[in-house]
C-alpha atoms as a PDB file:
ATOM      1  CA  MET A   1       0.000   0.000   0.000  1.00  0.00           C
ATOM      2  CA  THR A   2       1.132   3.581  -0.696  1.00  0.00           C
ATOM      3  CA  LEU A   3       0.592   5.866   2.244  1.00  0.00           C
ATOM      4  CA  THR A   4       0.134   9.539   2.926  1.00  0.00           C
ATOM      5  CA  ARG A   5       1.668  10.872   6.144  1.00  0.00           C
ATOM      6  CA  ARG A   6      -1.637  10.660   8.023  1.00  0.00           C
ATOM      7  CA  THR A   7      -2.584   7.170   6.842  1.00  0.00           C
ATOM      8  CA  LEU A   8       0.947   5.943   7.443  1.00  0.00           C
ATOM      9  CA  LEU A   9       0.907   7.040  11.081  1.00  0.00           C
ATOM     10  CA  LEU A  10      -2.615   5.747  11.642  1.00  0.00           C
ATOM     11  CA  GLY A  11      -1.688   2.429  10.033  1.00  0.00           C
ATOM     12  CA  LEU A  12       1.370   2.028  12.209  1.00  0.00           C
ATOM     13  CA  GLY A  13      -0.670   2.777  15.328  1.00  0.00           C
ATOM     14  CA  ALA A  14      -3.268   0.202  14.381  1.00  0.00           C
ATOM     15  CA  ALA A  15      -0.580  -2.362  13.668  1.00  0.00           C
ATOM     16  CA  ALA A  16       0.928  -1.781  17.094  1.00  0.00           C
ATOM     17  CA  LEU A  17      -2.424  -2.418  18.786  1.00  0.00           C
ATOM     18  CA  GLY A  18      -3.644  -5.276  16.595  1.00  0.00           C
ATOM     19  CA  PRO A  19      -2.715  -8.980  16.506  1.00  0.00           C
ATOM     20  CA  ARG A  20       0.653  -9.728  14.900  1.00  0.00           C
ATOM     21  CA  LEU A  21       0.691 -13.490  14.814  1.00  0.00           C
ATOM     22  CA  ALA A  22      -0.166 -13.811  11.116  1.00  0.00           C
ATOM     23  CA  LEU A  23       2.690 -11.515  10.056  1.00  0.00           C
ATOM     24  CA  ALA A  24       5.199 -12.501  12.724  1.00  0.00           C
ATOM     25  CA  ASP A  25       7.434 -14.409  10.340  1.00  0.00           C
ATOM     26  CA  ARG A  26       7.156 -11.980   7.415  1.00  0.00           C
ATOM     27  CA  PRO A  27       9.924  -9.410   6.923  1.00  0.00           C
ATOM     28  CA  THR A  28       8.806  -5.805   6.476  1.00  0.00           C
ATOM     29  CA  VAL A  29      10.046  -3.894   3.428  1.00  0.00           C
ATOM     30  CA  LEU A  30       9.746  -0.115   3.424  1.00  0.00           C
ATOM     31  CA  VAL A  31       9.732   1.537  -0.014  1.00  0.00           C
ATOM     32  CA  LEU A  32      10.812   5.175   0.081  1.00  0.00           C
ATOM     33  CA  SER A  33      10.485   7.320  -3.044  1.00  0.00           C
ATOM     34  CA  SER A  34      11.713  10.849  -3.675  1.00  0.00           C
ATOM     35  CA  ASP A  35       8.906  12.002  -5.977  1.00  0.00           C
ATOM     36  CA  THR A  36       5.634  11.024  -7.623  1.00  0.00           C
ATOM     37  CA  SER A  37       6.769  10.944 -11.256  1.00  0.00           C
ATOM     38  CA  ALA A  38       5.321   8.370 -13.635  1.00  0.00           C
ATOM     39  CA  ARG A  39       8.666   6.556 -13.766  1.00  0.00           C
ATOM     40  CA  THR A  40       8.877   6.335  -9.977  1.00  0.00           C
ATOM     41  CA  GLN A  41       5.286   5.138  -9.673  1.00  0.00           C
ATOM     42  CA  THR A  42       5.853   2.427 -12.284  1.00  0.00           C
ATOM     43  CA  LEU A  43       9.034   1.355 -10.490  1.00  0.00           C
ATOM     44  CA  VAL A  44       7.240   1.153  -7.124  1.00  0.00           C
ATOM     45  CA  ASP A  45       4.230  -0.703  -8.530  1.00  0.00           C
ATOM     46  CA  THR A  46       6.409  -3.228 -10.368  1.00  0.00           C
ATOM     47  CA  PHE A  47       8.580  -3.801  -7.305  1.00  0.00           C
ATOM     48  CA  LYS A  48       5.542  -4.438  -5.123  1.00  0.00           C
ATOM     49  CA  ALA A  49       3.973  -6.738  -7.710  1.00  0.00           C
ATOM     50  CA  ASN A  50       7.085  -8.916  -7.926  1.00  0.00           C
ATOM     51  CA  ILE A  51       8.124  -9.259  -4.292  1.00  0.00           C
ATOM     52  CA  THR A  52       6.398 -11.943  -2.222  1.00  0.00           C
ATOM     53  CA  GLY A  53       6.523 -13.220   1.331  1.00  0.00           C
ATOM     54  CA  VAL A  54       6.932  -9.745   2.838  1.00  0.00           C
ATOM     55  CA  THR A  55       4.859  -6.992   4.401  1.00  0.00           C
ATOM     56  CA  ARG A  56       5.149  -3.917   2.183  1.00  0.00           C
ATOM     57  CA  LEU A  57       4.881  -0.272   3.197  1.00  0.00           C
ATOM     58  CA  SER A  58       5.658   2.681   0.937  1.00  0.00           C
ATOM     59  CA  TYR A  59       6.006   6.400   1.428  1.00  0.00           C
ATOM     60  CA  GLU A  60       6.821   9.326  -0.859  1.00  0.00           C
ATOM     61  CA  LEU A  61       9.134  11.858   0.802  1.00  0.00           C
ATOM     62  CA  GLY A  62       8.845  14.745  -1.630  1.00  0.00           C
ATOM     63  CA  GLY A  63       6.663  16.778   0.698  1.00  0.00           C
ATOM     64  CA  GLU A  64       8.862  16.444   3.787  1.00  0.00           C
ATOM     65  CA  ALA A  65      11.066  19.438   4.639  1.00  0.00           C
ATOM     66  CA  ASP A  66      13.590  17.133   6.321  1.00  0.00           C
ATOM     67  CA  ALA A  67      13.104  13.581   5.112  1.00  0.00           C
ATOM     68  CA  ALA A  68      15.602  11.998   7.521  1.00  0.00           C
ATOM     69  CA  ALA A  69      14.049  13.791  10.493  1.00  0.00           C
ATOM     70  CA  PHE A  70      10.588  12.605   9.444  1.00  0.00           C
ATOM     71  CA  LEU A  71      11.753   9.001   9.395  1.00  0.00           C
ATOM     72  CA  ALA A  72      13.428   9.404  12.771  1.00  0.00           C
ATOM     73  CA  ASP A  73      10.346  10.944  14.358  1.00  0.00           C
ATOM     74  CA  ASN A  74       7.684   8.688  12.866  1.00  0.00           C
ATOM     75  CA  LEU A  75       9.163   5.370  11.739  1.00  0.00           C
ATOM     76  CA  ARG A  76      11.897   4.628  14.241  1.00  0.00           C
ATOM     77  CA  GLU A  77       9.710   2.173  16.147  1.00  0.00           C
ATOM     78  CA  LEU A  78       8.800   0.265  13.019  1.00  0.00           C
ATOM     79  CA  GLN A  79      10.749  -2.987  12.736  1.00  0.00           C
ATOM     80  CA  VAL A  80      11.993  -2.760   9.169  1.00  0.00           C
ATOM     81  CA  SER A  81      13.878  -5.639   7.549  1.00  0.00           C
ATOM     82  CA  LEU A  82      14.932  -3.779   4.388  1.00  0.00           C
ATOM     83  CA  VAL A  83      14.516  -0.314   2.856  1.00  0.00           C
ATOM     84  CA  PHE A  84      14.194   0.181  -0.899  1.00  0.00           C
ATOM     85  CA  ALA A  85      15.057   3.831  -1.689  1.00  0.00           C
ATOM     86  CA  ILE A  86      14.318   5.452  -5.049  1.00  0.00           C
ATOM     87  CA  GLY A  87      16.060   8.716  -5.874  1.00  0.00           C
ATOM     88  CA  ASP A  88      18.609  10.863  -4.043  1.00  0.00           C
ATOM     89  CA  ARG A  89      16.263  12.281  -1.415  1.00  0.00           C
ATOM     90  CA  ALA A  90      14.969   8.890  -0.302  1.00  0.00           C
ATOM     91  CA  PHE A  91      18.460   7.383  -0.452  1.00  0.00           C
ATOM     92  CA  LEU A  92      20.021  10.005   1.820  1.00  0.00           C
ATOM     93  CA  ALA A  93      17.175   9.744   4.329  1.00  0.00           C
ATOM     94  CA  ALA A  94      17.399   5.945   4.372  1.00  0.00           C
ATOM     95  CA  VAL A  95      21.170   5.613   4.848  1.00  0.00           C
ATOM     96  CA  ARG A  96      21.201   8.267   7.577  1.00  0.00           C
ATOM     97  CA  GLU A  97      18.333   6.868   9.614  1.00  0.00           C
ATOM     98  CA  TYR A  98      18.506   3.104   8.992  1.00  0.00           C
ATOM     99  CA  VAL A  99      22.073   2.481  10.075  1.00  0.00           C
ATOM    100  CA  ASN A 100      21.652  -1.216  10.876  1.00  0.00           C
ATOM    101  CA  VAL A 101      19.093  -2.104   8.196  1.00  0.00           C
ATOM    102  CA  PRO A 102      19.971  -3.197   4.625  1.00  0.00           C
ATOM    103  CA  VAL A 103      19.263  -0.445   2.092  1.00  0.00           C
ATOM    104  CA  LEU A 104      18.643  -1.201  -1.584  1.00  0.00           C
ATOM    105  CA  TYR A 105      18.682   1.873  -3.805  1.00  0.00           C
ATOM    106  CA  THR A 106      18.370   3.043  -7.399  1.00  0.00           C
ATOM    107  CA  ASP A 107      18.164   6.221  -9.499  1.00  0.00           C
ATOM    108  CA  VAL A 108      20.772   7.834  -7.230  1.00  0.00           C
ATOM    109  CA  ASN A 109      23.234  10.336  -8.681  1.00  0.00           C
ATOM    110  CA  ASP A 110      25.622  10.472  -5.725  1.00  0.00           C
ATOM    111  CA  ALA A 111      25.942   7.316  -3.609  1.00  0.00           C
ATOM    112  CA  SER A 112      28.900   8.521  -1.540  1.00  0.00           C
ATOM    113  CA  ALA A 113      26.757   8.644   1.618  1.00  0.00           C
ATOM    114  CA  ALA A 114      26.713   4.824   1.586  1.00  0.00           C
ATOM    115  CA  ALA A 115      30.507   4.482   1.330  1.00  0.00           C
ATOM    116  CA  GLY A 116      31.762   1.730   3.623  1.00  0.00           C
ATOM    117  CA  ARG A 117      28.346   0.173   4.162  1.00  0.00           C
ATOM    118  CA  ALA A 118      28.312  -3.400   2.917  1.00  0.00           C
ATOM    119  CA  ASP A 119      24.551  -3.579   3.524  1.00  0.00           C
ATOM    120  CA  ALA A 120      23.801  -0.660   1.173  1.00  0.00           C
ATOM    121  CA  VAL A 121      23.365  -2.122  -2.319  1.00  0.00           C
ATOM    122  CA  GLY A 122      22.925  -0.011  -5.433  1.00  0.00           C
ATOM    123  CA  LEU A 123      21.186  -1.496  -8.459  1.00  0.00           C
ATOM    124  CA  SER A 124      22.950  -1.270 -11.782  1.00  0.00           C
ATOM    125  CA  VAL A 125      21.060   0.949 -14.215  1.00  0.00           C
ATOM    126  CA  ARG A 126      22.903  -0.555 -17.176  1.00  0.00           C
ATOM    127  CA  VAL A 127      20.460  -2.463 -19.299  1.00  0.00           C
ATOM    128  CA  ASP A 128      20.456  -6.113 -20.261  1.00  0.00           C
ATOM    129  CA  PRO A 129      22.686  -6.167 -23.377  1.00  0.00           C
ATOM    130  CA  SER A 130      20.982  -9.089 -25.121  1.00  0.00           C
ATOM    131  CA  PRO A 131      17.522  -7.581 -25.819  1.00  0.00           C
ATOM    132  CA  ALA A 132      19.086  -4.156 -26.402  1.00  0.00           C
ATOM    133  CA  LEU A 133      21.490  -5.434 -29.063  1.00  0.00           C
ATOM    134  CA  THR A 134      18.810  -7.596 -30.673  1.00  0.00           C
ATOM    135  CA  ARG A 135      16.672  -4.519 -31.305  1.00  0.00           C
ATOM    136  CA  LEU A 136      19.623  -2.399 -32.396  1.00  0.00           C
ATOM    137  CA  GLN A 137      20.580  -5.003 -34.993  1.00  0.00           C
ATOM    138  CA  GLY A 138      17.104  -4.684 -36.455  1.00  0.00           C
ATOM    139  CA  LEU A 139      17.561  -0.913 -36.673  1.00  0.00           C
ATOM    140  CA  LEU A 140      21.170  -0.939 -37.850  1.00  0.00           C
ATOM    141  CA  PRO A 141      21.638  -3.818 -40.328  1.00  0.00           C
ATOM    142  CA  ARG A 142      25.139  -2.586 -41.201  1.00  0.00           C
ATOM    143  CA  MET A 143      26.271  -2.931 -37.587  1.00  0.00           C
ATOM    144  CA  THR A 144      28.504  -5.993 -37.837  1.00  0.00           C
ATOM    145  CA  THR A 145      31.090  -4.571 -35.432  1.00  0.00           C
ATOM    146  CA  LEU A 146      30.170  -2.734 -32.230  1.00  0.00           C
ATOM    147  CA  GLY A 147      32.743  -0.397 -30.746  1.00  0.00           C
ATOM    148  CA  ALA A 148      32.778   0.515 -27.068  1.00  0.00           C
ATOM    149  CA  ILE A 149      34.854   2.806 -24.856  1.00  0.00           C
ATOM    150  CA  ARG A 150      35.510   1.594 -21.320  1.00  0.00           C
ATOM    151  CA  GLY A 151      37.175   3.489 -18.512  1.00  0.00           C
ATOM    152  CA  LEU A 152      39.878   1.544 -16.718  1.00  0.00           C
ATOM    153  CA  LYS A 153      38.174   2.333 -13.407  1.00  0.00           C
ATOM    154  CA  ASP A 154      34.728   1.195 -14.567  1.00  0.00           C
ATOM    155  CA  PRO A 155      33.516  -1.041 -11.716  1.00  0.00           C
ATOM    156  CA  GLU A 156      30.865  -3.016 -13.600  1.00  0.00           C
ATOM    157  CA  ALA A 157      32.944  -5.920 -14.876  1.00  0.00           C
ATOM    158  CA  ALA A 158      29.934  -8.242 -14.812  1.00  0.00           C
ATOM    159  CA  TRP A 159      28.078  -5.992 -17.261  1.00  0.00           C
ATOM    160  CA  TRP A 160      30.996  -5.977 -19.689  1.00  0.00           C
ATOM    161  CA  ASP A 161      31.205  -9.761 -19.485  1.00  0.00           C
ATOM    162  CA  THR A 162      27.480  -9.974 -20.246  1.00  0.00           C
ATOM    163  CA  LEU A 163      27.917  -7.579 -23.178  1.00  0.00           C
ATOM    164  CA  GLY A 164      30.634  -9.809 -24.618  1.00  0.00           C
ATOM    165  CA  GLU A 165      28.443 -12.901 -24.263  1.00  0.00           C
ATOM    166  CA  ALA A 166      25.513 -11.154 -25.935  1.00  0.00           C
ATOM    167  CA  CYS A 167      27.659 -10.030 -28.871  1.00  0.00           C
ATOM    168  CA  ALA A 168      29.016 -13.558 -29.339  1.00  0.00           C
ATOM    169  CA  ALA A 169      25.506 -15.024 -29.334  1.00  0.00           C
ATOM    170  CA  LEU A 170      24.392 -12.504 -31.975  1.00  0.00           C
ATOM    171  CA  GLN A 171      27.563 -13.018 -34.053  1.00  0.00           C
ATOM    172  CA  LEU A 172      28.417  -9.361 -33.541  1.00  0.00           C
ATOM    173  CA  LYS A 173      32.085  -8.465 -33.269  1.00  0.00           C
ATOM    174  CA  LEU A 174      32.904  -6.370 -30.195  1.00  0.00           C
ATOM    175  CA  ASP A 175      35.829  -3.935 -30.141  1.00  0.00           C
ATOM    176  CA  VAL A 176      36.381  -2.476 -26.651  1.00  0.00           C
ATOM    177  CA  ARG A 177      38.933   0.297 -26.173  1.00  0.00           C
ATOM    178  CA  LYS A 178      40.050   0.887 -22.590  1.00  0.00           C
ATOM    179  CA  VAL A 179      40.987   4.432 -21.667  1.00  0.00           C
ATOM    180  CA  ASN A 180      42.348   5.969 -18.502  1.00  0.00           C
ATOM    181  CA  ALA A 181      40.965   9.512 -18.788  1.00  0.00           C
ATOM    182  CA  SER A 182      38.921  11.804 -21.011  1.00  0.00           C
ATOM    183  CA  ALA A 183      42.104  12.935 -22.775  1.00  0.00           C
ATOM    184  CA  ASP A 184      42.440   9.403 -24.182  1.00  0.00           C
ATOM    185  CA  VAL A 185      38.919   9.253 -25.606  1.00  0.00           C
ATOM    186  CA  ALA A 186      39.740  11.087 -28.848  1.00  0.00           C
ATOM    187  CA  ASN A 187      42.270   8.484 -29.984  1.00  0.00           C
ATOM    188  CA  ALA A 188      39.982   5.602 -29.033  1.00  0.00           C
ATOM    189  CA  SER A 189      37.033   7.236 -30.819  1.00  0.00           C
ATOM    190  CA  ALA A 190      39.008   7.811 -34.005  1.00  0.00           C
ATOM    191  CA  ALA A 191      40.009   4.160 -34.184  1.00  0.00           C
ATOM    192  CA  LEU A 192      36.479   2.920 -33.557  1.00  0.00           C
ATOM    193  CA  LEU A 193      34.849   5.334 -36.009  1.00  0.00           C
ATOM    194  CA  ALA A 194      37.131   4.002 -38.736  1.00  0.00           C
ATOM    195  CA  GLN A 195      36.072   0.372 -38.394  1.00  0.00           C
ATOM    196  CA  CYS A 196      32.803  -0.015 -36.439  1.00  0.00           C
ATOM    197  CA  GLY A 197      29.152   0.120 -37.440  1.00  0.00           C
ATOM    198  CA  ALA A 198      28.163   1.795 -34.170  1.00  0.00           C
ATOM    199  CA  ILE A 199      29.759   3.002 -30.928  1.00  0.00           C
ATOM    200  CA  LEU A 200      28.375   2.294 -27.477  1.00  0.00           C
ATOM    201  CA  VAL A 201      29.247   4.578 -24.574  1.00  0.00           C
ATOM    202  CA  GLN A 202      28.387   3.830 -20.962  1.00  0.00           C
ATOM    203  CA  PRO A 203      28.020   6.292 -18.067  1.00  0.00           C
ATOM    204  CA  ASP A 204      31.364   7.351 -16.638  1.00  0.00           C
ATOM    205  CA  PRO A 205      31.616  10.980 -15.475  1.00  0.00           C
ATOM    206  CA  GLN A 206      35.406  10.780 -15.450  1.00  0.00           C
ATOM    207  CA  LEU A 207      35.373  10.207 -19.206  1.00  0.00           C
ATOM    208  CA  TRP A 208      32.384  11.979 -20.682  1.00  0.00           C
ATOM    209  CA  ALA A 209      32.811  15.657 -19.978  1.00  0.00           C
ATOM    210  CA  PRO A 210      30.424  17.745 -22.136  1.00  0.00           C
ATOM    211  CA  SER A 211      33.229  18.828 -24.492  1.00  0.00           C
ATOM    212  CA  VAL A 212      34.393  15.224 -24.953  1.00  0.00           C
ATOM    213  CA  ALA A 213      30.855  13.991 -25.646  1.00  0.00           C
ATOM    214  CA  SER A 214      30.206  16.817 -28.128  1.00  0.00           C
ATOM    215  CA  ARG A 215      33.409  16.030 -30.013  1.00  0.00           C
ATOM    216  CA  LEU A 216      32.508  12.351 -30.319  1.00  0.00           C
ATOM    217  CA  LEU A 217      29.001  13.153 -31.561  1.00  0.00           C
ATOM    218  CA  TYR A 218      30.371  15.629 -34.098  1.00  0.00           C
ATOM    219  CA  ASP A 219      33.009  13.232 -35.398  1.00  0.00           C
ATOM    220  CA  ALA A 220      30.464  10.399 -35.519  1.00  0.00           C
ATOM    221  CA  SER A 221      28.039  12.503 -37.556  1.00  0.00           C
ATOM    222  CA  LEU A 222      30.798  13.214 -40.095  1.00  0.00           C
ATOM    223  CA  ALA A 223      31.701   9.519 -40.262  1.00  0.00           C
ATOM    224  CA  LYS A 224      28.008   8.508 -40.506  1.00  0.00           C
ATOM    225  CA  VAL A 225      28.419   6.168 -37.519  1.00  0.00           C
ATOM    226  CA  PRO A 226      25.557   6.010 -34.990  1.00  0.00           C
ATOM    227  CA  VAL A 227      26.345   6.527 -31.305  1.00  0.00           C
ATOM    228  CA  ILE A 228      24.389   4.567 -28.699  1.00  0.00           C
ATOM    229  CA  ALA A 229      24.461   6.712 -25.583  1.00  0.00           C
ATOM    230  CA  PHE A 230      23.195   6.514 -22.011  1.00  0.00           C
ATOM    231  CA  ASP A 231      21.684   9.867 -21.138  1.00  0.00           C
ATOM    232  CA  ARG A 232      18.885  11.956 -22.664  1.00  0.00           C
ATOM    233  CA  SER A 233      21.085  15.037 -22.600  1.00  0.00           C
ATOM    234  CA  TRP A 234      22.902  13.471 -25.576  1.00  0.00           C
ATOM    235  CA  LEU A 235      19.640  13.730 -27.535  1.00  0.00           C
ATOM    236  CA  ARG A 236      19.561  17.484 -26.895  1.00  0.00           C
ATOM    237  CA  ALA A 237      23.138  18.141 -28.056  1.00  0.00           C
ATOM    238  CA  ALA A 238      23.974  20.099 -31.189  1.00  0.00           C
ATOM    239  CA  ASN A 239      24.706  16.746 -32.832  1.00  0.00           C
ATOM    240  CA  PRO A 240      22.401  14.375 -30.932  1.00  0.00           C
ATOM    241  CA  ALA A 241      23.009  10.684 -30.475  1.00  0.00           C
ATOM    242  CA  PRO A 242      20.523   8.675 -32.531  1.00  0.00           C
ATOM    243  CA  PHE A 243      19.875   6.207 -29.703  1.00  0.00           C
ATOM    244  CA  VAL A 244      19.881   6.308 -25.917  1.00  0.00           C
ATOM    245  CA  LEU A 245      19.633   3.139 -23.849  1.00  0.00           C
ATOM    246  CA  GLU A 246      17.838   3.673 -20.558  1.00  0.00           C
ATOM    247  CA  SER A 247      16.761   1.150 -17.959  1.00  0.00           C
ATOM    248  CA  SER A 248      12.982   0.818 -18.058  1.00  0.00           C
ATOM    249  CA  ALA A 249      11.168   1.497 -14.796  1.00  0.00           C
ATOM    250  CA  LYS A 250       9.372  -1.827 -15.133  1.00  0.00           C
ATOM    251  CA  GLY A 251      12.605  -3.750 -15.701  1.00  0.00           C
ATOM    252  CA  LEU A 252      14.329  -1.977 -12.829  1.00  0.00           C
ATOM    253  CA  GLY A 253      11.412  -2.751 -10.500  1.00  0.00           C
ATOM    254  CA  GLU A 254      11.611  -6.440 -11.388  1.00  0.00           C
ATOM    255  CA  VAL A 255      15.368  -6.567 -10.736  1.00  0.00           C
ATOM    256  CA  ALA A 256      14.919  -4.677  -7.455  1.00  0.00           C
ATOM    257  CA  ALA A 257      12.322  -7.187  -6.260  1.00  0.00           C
ATOM    258  CA  ARG A 258      14.609 -10.127  -7.027  1.00  0.00           C
ATOM    259  CA  GLU A 259      17.557  -8.489  -5.279  1.00  0.00           C
ATOM    260  CA  ALA A 260      15.455  -7.574  -2.226  1.00  0.00           C
ATOM    261  CA  MET A 261      14.277 -11.164  -1.872  1.00  0.00           C
ATOM    262  CA  ARG A 262      17.852 -12.383  -2.174  1.00  0.00           C
ATOM    263  CA  LEU A 263      18.993  -9.981   0.548  1.00  0.00           C
ATOM    264  CA  LEU A 264      16.158 -11.211   2.772  1.00  0.00           C
ATOM    265  CA  SER A 265      17.101 -14.860   2.091  1.00  0.00           C
ATOM    266  CA  LEU A 266      13.720 -15.617   0.556  1.00  0.00           C
ATOM    267  CA  GLY A 267      13.795 -18.638  -1.734  1.00  0.00           C
ATOM    268  CA  GLU A 268      12.215 -16.897  -4.694  1.00  0.00           C
ATOM    269  CA  GLY A 269      15.006 -14.353  -4.860  1.00  0.00           C
ATOM    270  CA  GLY A 270      17.569 -16.744  -6.298  1.00  0.00           C
ATOM    271  CA  ALA A 271      21.316 -16.744  -5.899  1.00  0.00           C
ATOM    272  CA  ALA A 272      23.591 -13.736  -6.022  1.00  0.00           C
ATOM    273  CA  GLY A 273      24.668 -12.708  -9.486  1.00  0.00           C
ATOM    274  CA  ALA A 274      24.475  -9.995 -12.096  1.00  0.00           C
ATOM    275  CA  SER A 275      20.956  -9.050 -13.136  1.00  0.00           C
ATOM    276  CA  PHE A 276      20.241  -6.163 -15.469  1.00  0.00           C
ATOM    277  CA  PRO A 277      16.915  -4.482 -16.313  1.00  0.00           C
ATOM    278  CA  GLU A 278      15.158  -4.589 -19.631  1.00  0.00           C
ATOM    279  CA  PRO A 279      16.046  -1.635 -21.881  1.00  0.00           C
ATOM    280  CA  TRP A 280      13.965   1.407 -22.728  1.00  0.00           C
ATOM    281  CA  LEU A 281      15.249   2.515 -26.130  1.00  0.00           C
ATOM    282  CA  VAL A 282      14.889   6.212 -26.986  1.00  0.00           C
ATOM    283  CA  GLY A 283      15.616   7.385 -30.498  1.00  0.00           C
ATOM    284  CA  SER A 284      16.086  10.585 -32.488  1.00  0.00           C
ATOM    285  CA  LYS A 285      14.723  10.443 -36.031  1.00  0.00           C
ATOM    286  CA  ALA A 286      16.494  13.710 -36.853  1.00  0.00           C
ATOM    287  CA  ALA A 287      19.866  12.175 -35.909  1.00  0.00           C
ATOM    288  CA  LEU A 288      19.159   9.085 -37.981  1.00  0.00           C
ATOM    289  CA  ARG A 289      18.203  11.178 -40.994  1.00  0.00           C
ATOM    290  CA  ALA A 290      21.503  13.063 -40.628  1.00  0.00           C
ATOM    291  CA  LEU A 291      23.289   9.708 -40.733  1.00  0.00           C
ATOM    292  CA  THR A 292      21.263   8.697 -43.836  1.00  0.00           C
ATOM    293  CA  ILE A 293      19.891   5.642 -42.008  1.00  0.00           C
ATOM    294  CA  PRO A 294      16.441   4.792 -43.437  1.00  0.00           C
ATOM    295  CA  LEU A 295      13.605   3.806 -41.125  1.00  0.00           C
ATOM    296  CA  LYS A 296      10.784   1.483 -42.062  1.00  0.00           C
ATOM    297  CA  LYS A 297       7.585   1.063 -40.110  1.00  0.00           C
ATOM    298  CA  GLU A 298       8.650  -2.287 -38.647  1.00  0.00           C
ATOM    299  CA  SER A 299      12.101  -1.043 -37.637  1.00  0.00           C
ATOM    300  CA  ALA A 300      10.777   2.190 -36.138  1.00  0.00           C
ATOM    301  CA  ALA A 301       8.514   0.075 -33.933  1.00  0.00           C
ATOM    302  CA  LEU A 302      11.618  -1.366 -32.234  1.00  0.00           C
ATOM    303  CA  VAL A 303      12.149   1.970 -30.463  1.00  0.00           C
ATOM    304  CA  ASP A 304      10.123   2.586 -27.296  1.00  0.00           C
ATOM    305  CA  GLU A 305      10.128   6.374 -27.545  1.00  0.00           C
ATOM    306  CA  TRP A 306      11.024   8.846 -30.292  1.00  0.00           C
ATOM    307  CA  ILE A 307      12.272  12.337 -29.477  1.00  0.00           C
ATOM    308  CA  ASP A 308      12.979  14.975 -32.135  1.00  0.00           C
END
């Protein structure tokens, strides 16, 4: 159930007075969200629909002047087994107040507040490569070689391994160039643009400064090579990326539910291991036209959302 402040407090009071035998062996999961956007609501609904064997409570913190203080004043007595935090505001409130409770979080820009906490687990927002590449092959039939730029400090080794496996299964050659800093990107980009049918870039703020991203998009437009990016801001650049791979709210909610059940040692959660959400593919028809890539009705349907 999703609660307002009043119904949350009334519900907790009733729970304290009522019989608890039926729920005594069920862990309680508190879902905290930072806003009421459509994406957040879809994420919360999907998470709740896919997690079983728990008591679920949810609260949206956008209206609280001091979210951490609200939790301390009103929820401290609640015996929570796990907190699922969505967005920066909910994440900060959760890690500050629930010191001895596992915190699962996503859609967080700065996770430094959880540094040193082994029980604070961030979900990868990198999408499942297999369905993403399958759709991209249908859009880009000339993409026989996929280029990618990887920072040497990129921590998501499991995702890169999964990308390699997906490319092998689709008989797509993968050329990964490892770079140490943004100054090295230009050389790596030049090599990839000369021999690849598309270039994939993944989020790494140490590499993709605005000037570096703009240069790659400009050079790619001259070379007629599509760039598959990770952030919508690339679609608003002077030379926009034709495709952006985002994690769908539904896919992220499903992964979050599985990970929460694993952390709670519930059988349905499965074993530990890399799990990535289904992709939400955003495209720019204007960028594709600039690259002289034709779109047919059936190929255009492979894109979830078009932005021009």
